[in-house]
Amino acid sequence: MDDIIWSQFPPPSEAKHIEFALSPLRAMSPIKTRSRAKSRSAKKSPTRAPAYGVKNYFYVSKPTNKSTTRKRNANTNEYDSESDSEALDTIVVDVLGTANNAILIDDDEDEDMIDAPAREELIDESVLEEYTPVNSLDTITSANKVQDSVSGYIFKSLPLELHQQIALLLSSDRDIHNYRFSCRAAREAVDSTIWRKRFSQTFDGIKDLDSVTLAKKYRYRCKVSEQWTVFDFKNLRGKLTREDLTAQRIFQNDTLELFRTLINESNAQINVNNNGVAVVDGLNMNFIRQLISNEADPRFKDIINAVLNTEVDEYYNNNDIVSAKKEETLVLVVQLILTPLSLHPDICNARVFHVDLSQQQAYATAKVQPLFIGKYKQDINVRWLLHTVNFFKFHLKAPVGEGILSQEYSNLEEHQYSQPWAGVIQSGTQKLGKYWKGVHTFLEDFDLYSLRTGGVGDIFSDQVETFQDLEIFFDEEKFPPQSWPAEWERVLQSNPFLAAAQTKRASSRRSSRSQALPDLEVKSFYGTSRCTKTAHFYGRIHAMPQQQGFAGFQRIVLIKCYTTPNGGFNHEQIYCYEGCVFPGGTIVVGRWWHTNDDPDRVDSLMGPFIWWNVERSGLGIDGNGDDAINFLDNF
């Protein structure tokens, strides 16, 4: 196929045209072009020019009403322009009877060179068709028709299926578009079926959609991903005009909708890599990784680097309670859901900002910053959760000497890092995985009180033990729902509908008929946490409504009891936990407090925690949960 000669072209016209350089099997990017018009006095003899690594040039011309008479040189097949017409600089020639094809370019030193864009862009077919009438490759008169070579004739005679296979082997969308205009057969071959297959090579599949719809989805996703989009404007102050800002806000909305679609339709699977570690791998997930991690990629989106630095963050004061039901918080929810990727040590390692604000928020009381909002705790406090994630990301990934856990975190085995979810995000109450890594921090009493009552700006020294290894079990035979003590329910309110109903009855002076509570599935679980000390915990979990169009958020509560050195019950160390499970069930973020304290009081002992799901125990322990059940019986 290396000898293919692209020979049957309409003569160059004086009108606007699009140039493409085509190799036999691959269409290259647009080449440098010269000014098209010149006078008789400036005309020079054409000279041979470098072919830029390709053998032939292909013109797509838009015919005009102005006619031009051209004569063909019998030796070179070159068309000479008349004196009163405008000439194109680049002329396609096919020297018949010779082994080499010739590319003649008018070499005018005094003309400006216009560099074609280096960045690949998706070409809209309607634009191409504007400059390439459907019959432009067919309506060639006998006076200007160039005879096909044997290889050219063979190429044009290839069946449609083979043209489609060639198109699918091309590496970029632009190449496919260019190839489509190589001949009529290729044009007919590159249809919506090609773009459907292209979609399946790039994104996770969508059931029950026809080829035309998938082709439109593919083009839209490519177009949005290639838009230059910025979420953090701090380095662009004074450089963007009002029109630029308006355009960026439109691009941001498009990008957020793209992220929402990619996340909701992600269907990644667990595969084992070369190191024998199970990793979550999927087309949508890989596409998201590329968008948020590779800053050298023109498609890069700074949505993770811009945490707490977006325009939405500027709307609120530090102590404002920001519910996810507010329309403008979509960017915050997307940032929150991408936490499993953000925490991985290999990507998203830009500097963490606003550590002082995040520390103040992470240790705020439940009265100042409740974790859940609404009568039935149906909305998440998205900005508090984002501050808490930002707080832990600093301690896990900041350079050694700044983050209190960064050295230990960098030394963890590969299978102990956070990973995104596998499969499609499910709604409803879902069980959690068995193995988890976790950490919680605390402050000394004086520092904690000073942080809550003082001004913003001071940073206090956080205290931490080390990483915890946790095992979680769901077994209603061993831990049935009726085993959940009423006293625990009074403190933790594992069923918000029941708690709201009891509060209403207690505050009402008149007796009213009991109303049926909404059907809320609540699952019970238990487990063990191992660190410098061992603790057993018992909790409950239930689903939450969608947040900004994302299902999969859940609320979790638990009681955690530390043991004595001989395995007995330690009455002084019993703690309550309340947390939010992120969609996919791989991240839990929340707060803990001592059972003797009121989480609303400014002097209460409490702090933040984070858990992430891992493949297996970092301690090499594979328990069955019986230790926790036996401890509960004694408790």
Foldseek 3Di string as FASTA:
>chain_A
DQQADLAWAAWDALDDKAKWFDGPQWTDDGFKAWDFFDAPVQFDDWDFDDSVPHQWIHIQAADDPDDWDWDADPQWRWTDTDRVHGGGQWGATQGPPDPGGTTTGGDRPPIDIDGDDPDDDADDVVVVCVGHPPCNSPPHDPRNTDDGDPSNVVVQPDALVVLLVSLLPYDDNVRLVVSLPSHVSNVVSPDLVSLLVVLVVQAPDDPPDDSVVSSVVSNLLRNLLLDQEEFFCPVVVPPADPVRVVVNVVSVVSVLVSLLVLQQRWAWDWDQDPVRATATDGNSVVVVCVQDFDPVDSSHYVLLVCQCRGPVNVVDDLQDQDWLVDQVCSSLLSNLLCLLVCLDQVGVQDDQPDLLSLQLLQLAFCQSYPQADDLLSQTGSSSSSSSPSSNQSCLCRPPPPGRVCPVVNVPADPLQGFHHFHGRFDFKWDDAAFKKKKWWKFDDLVVLLCSNPDDTDDDDDIDTQHIKIKTKDFDCVLPNPVNPDPVQCVVWVQGSQVVSQVVVCVPDPDDDDDDDTPDWDKTKMKIWIDGVFIKIKIKIKTFHDDRNSDHAKIKIKMKIFTADPVRAGDPQDIKIWIWIQHTNNFKIKTKMFGPVDDSNDSSTTMGIMMMGGGDDTSVPDDDDCVSNSVNSVVD
